Amino acid sequence: MQGRQTASAGHPVGVSPVHWYWWLTGISILGSGDIAQFLASNRAMFTSAPGRAAGSVLGLLLWLLLTWLAGKAASGHRSAALDRGTVAVAGVVAVGSVGLAGIHAAVHVGGLRPALGGVLGVAAVGLAIAAARS
């Protein structure tokens, strides 16, 4: 135990996997809320740009899945499979969010909303990895 105190379960003192998963749940709720609000305020997109709408709905479903996985782990139902699944879904969410932010930045549209989504996606994958490792 060189330079690091550990609690009885082998986790760093003061850092519990449950804490990481609660933070991930909160970030996932923010990501879900962002996309849900976007969809609700752009209903015409479903007829004018159905592909864009479908991509947004898929993004919302992934954020909601991540919220459910993180919430399940935070409430004490952890397993190796759940940890791996959470990291995988968070990774997909992060790639999609950062990619979307990059596309919006390249064409100079969207303002801060896509950038916020990218930040939330990166935060989600970081928290998922931290939770799975602890």
Protein backbone atom coordinates (compact mmCIF):
# COMPACT_ATOMS: atom_id res chain seq x y z
CA MET A 1 0.00 0.00 0.00
CA GLN A 2 2.57 2.48 -1.13
CA GLY A 3 1.34 6.02 -0.59
CA ARG A 4 -2.35 5.14 -0.66
CA GLN A 5 -4.63 4.43 2.25
CA THR A 6 -7.31 1.87 1.60
CA ALA A 7 -10.54 1.05 3.30
CA SER A 8 -11.27 -2.47 4.45
CA ALA A 9 -12.81 -3.43 1.09
CA GLY A 10 -9.71 -2.36 -0.80
CA HIS A 11 -11.18 0.91 -2.04
CA PRO A 12 -9.39 4.24 -1.57
CA VAL A 13 -10.49 5.95 1.63
CA GLY A 14 -13.45 8.24 0.97
CA VAL A 15 -14.12 6.94 -2.54
CA SER A 16 -16.81 4.34 -2.90
CA PRO A 17 -17.99 2.91 -6.23
CA VAL A 18 -21.49 3.92 -5.18
CA HIS A 19 -20.40 7.56 -5.15
CA TRP A 20 -19.04 7.31 -8.69
CA TYR A 21 -22.27 5.67 -9.85
CA TRP A 22 -24.44 8.36 -8.22
CA TRP A 23 -22.41 11.04 -10.00
CA LEU A 24 -22.77 9.11 -13.26
CA THR A 25 -26.53 8.86 -12.69
CA GLY A 26 -26.71 12.63 -12.25
CA ILE A 27 -24.67 13.31 -15.39
CA SER A 28 -26.85 10.85 -17.32
CA ILE A 29 -30.01 12.59 -16.15
CA LEU A 30 -28.58 15.89 -17.40
CA GLY A 31 -27.71 14.33 -20.77
CA SER A 32 -31.16 12.76 -21.07
CA GLY A 33 -32.84 16.02 -20.12
CA ASP A 34 -30.82 17.99 -22.65
CA ILE A 35 -31.84 15.75 -25.54
CA ALA A 36 -35.45 15.45 -24.35
CA GLN A 37 -35.74 19.23 -24.21
CA PHE A 38 -34.19 19.50 -27.69
CA LEU A 39 -36.69 17.01 -29.09
CA ALA A 40 -39.64 18.66 -27.36
CA SER A 41 -38.71 22.10 -28.68
CA ASN A 42 -38.04 20.91 -32.25
CA ARG A 43 -41.05 18.72 -33.02
CA ALA A 44 -41.16 19.90 -36.64
CA MET A 45 -37.85 18.10 -37.14
CA PHE A 46 -39.75 14.77 -37.17
CA THR A 47 -41.29 15.70 -40.52
CA SER A 48 -38.68 18.07 -41.95
CA ALA A 49 -35.56 16.05 -41.02
CA PRO A 50 -36.60 12.54 -39.95
CA GLY A 51 -33.04 11.20 -40.01
CA ARG A 52 -31.89 13.90 -37.62
CA ALA A 53 -34.89 13.23 -35.41
CA ALA A 54 -34.16 9.49 -35.39
CA GLY A 55 -30.55 10.16 -34.39
CA SER A 56 -31.71 12.40 -31.57
CA VAL A 57 -34.17 9.78 -30.35
CA LEU A 58 -31.41 7.15 -30.44
CA GLY A 59 -29.18 9.49 -28.43
CA LEU A 60 -31.96 9.97 -25.88
CA LEU A 61 -32.47 6.20 -25.59
CA LEU A 62 -28.74 5.67 -25.00
CA TRP A 63 -28.63 8.37 -22.31
CA LEU A 64 -31.71 6.84 -20.66
CA LEU A 65 -30.11 3.38 -20.78
CA LEU A 66 -26.98 4.81 -19.17
CA THR A 67 -29.12 6.47 -16.49
CA TRP A 68 -30.81 3.15 -15.74
CA LEU A 69 -27.53 1.19 -15.64
CA ALA A 70 -25.82 3.74 -13.39
CA GLY A 71 -28.85 3.98 -11.11
CA LYS A 72 -29.01 0.21 -10.79
CA ALA A 73 -25.31 0.06 -9.84
CA ALA A 74 -25.65 3.02 -7.48
CA SER A 75 -28.48 1.30 -5.65
CA GLY A 76 -26.25 -1.67 -4.85
CA HIS A 77 -26.88 -4.09 -7.71
CA ARG A 78 -23.28 -4.17 -8.94
CA SER A 79 -21.74 -6.97 -10.93
CA ALA A 80 -18.81 -7.30 -13.32
CA ALA A 81 -21.24 -7.55 -16.24
CA LEU A 82 -23.11 -4.42 -15.15
CA ASP A 83 -19.81 -2.52 -14.77
CA ARG A 84 -18.69 -3.58 -18.27
CA GLY A 85 -22.08 -2.73 -19.78
CA THR A 86 -22.10 0.66 -18.15
CA VAL A 87 -18.62 1.48 -19.46
CA ALA A 88 -19.61 0.28 -22.95
CA VAL A 89 -22.80 2.36 -23.09
CA ALA A 90 -20.99 5.38 -21.65
CA GLY A 91 -18.33 4.95 -24.33
CA VAL A 92 -20.92 4.93 -27.11
CA VAL A 93 -22.63 7.97 -25.59
CA ALA A 94 -19.28 9.79 -25.35
CA VAL A 95 -18.27 9.01 -28.94
CA GLY A 96 -21.66 10.11 -30.22
CA SER A 97 -21.74 13.27 -28.11
CA VAL A 98 -18.21 14.35 -28.98
CA GLY A 99 -18.76 13.50 -32.65
CA LEU A 100 -21.96 15.52 -32.73
CA ALA A 101 -20.22 18.45 -31.03
CA GLY A 102 -17.41 18.26 -33.59
CA ILE A 103 -19.80 18.23 -36.52
CA HIS A 104 -21.74 21.20 -35.14
CA ALA A 105 -18.51 23.12 -34.49
CA ALA A 106 -17.22 22.40 -38.01
CA VAL A 107 -20.31 23.89 -39.62
CA HIS A 108 -20.67 26.65 -37.01
CA VAL A 109 -24.18 25.77 -35.80
CA GLY A 110 -25.74 24.72 -32.54
CA GLY A 111 -23.99 27.06 -30.13
CA LEU A 112 -23.16 25.69 -26.70
CA ARG A 113 -25.75 22.91 -26.60
CA PRO A 114 -23.75 20.35 -28.63
CA ALA A 115 -20.56 21.31 -26.78
CA LEU A 116 -22.32 20.72 -23.46
CA GLY A 117 -23.42 17.31 -24.73
CA GLY A 118 -19.82 16.48 -25.60
CA VAL A 119 -18.63 17.51 -22.14
CA LEU A 120 -21.37 15.44 -20.51
CA GLY A 121 -20.44 12.45 -22.67
CA VAL A 122 -16.76 12.65 -21.73
CA ALA A 123 -17.68 13.08 -18.07
CA ALA A 124 -19.97 10.05 -18.28
CA VAL A 125 -17.32 7.74 -19.70
CA GLY A 126 -14.76 8.98 -17.16
CA LEU A 127 -17.15 8.37 -14.27
CA ALA A 128 -18.13 4.94 -15.63
CA ILE A 129 -14.47 3.90 -15.87
CA ALA A 130 -13.73 5.25 -12.38
CA ALA A 131 -16.72 3.39 -10.94
CA ALA A 132 -15.85 0.12 -12.65
CA ARG A 133 -12.22 0.31 -11.44
CA SER A 134 -13.09 1.04 -7.82
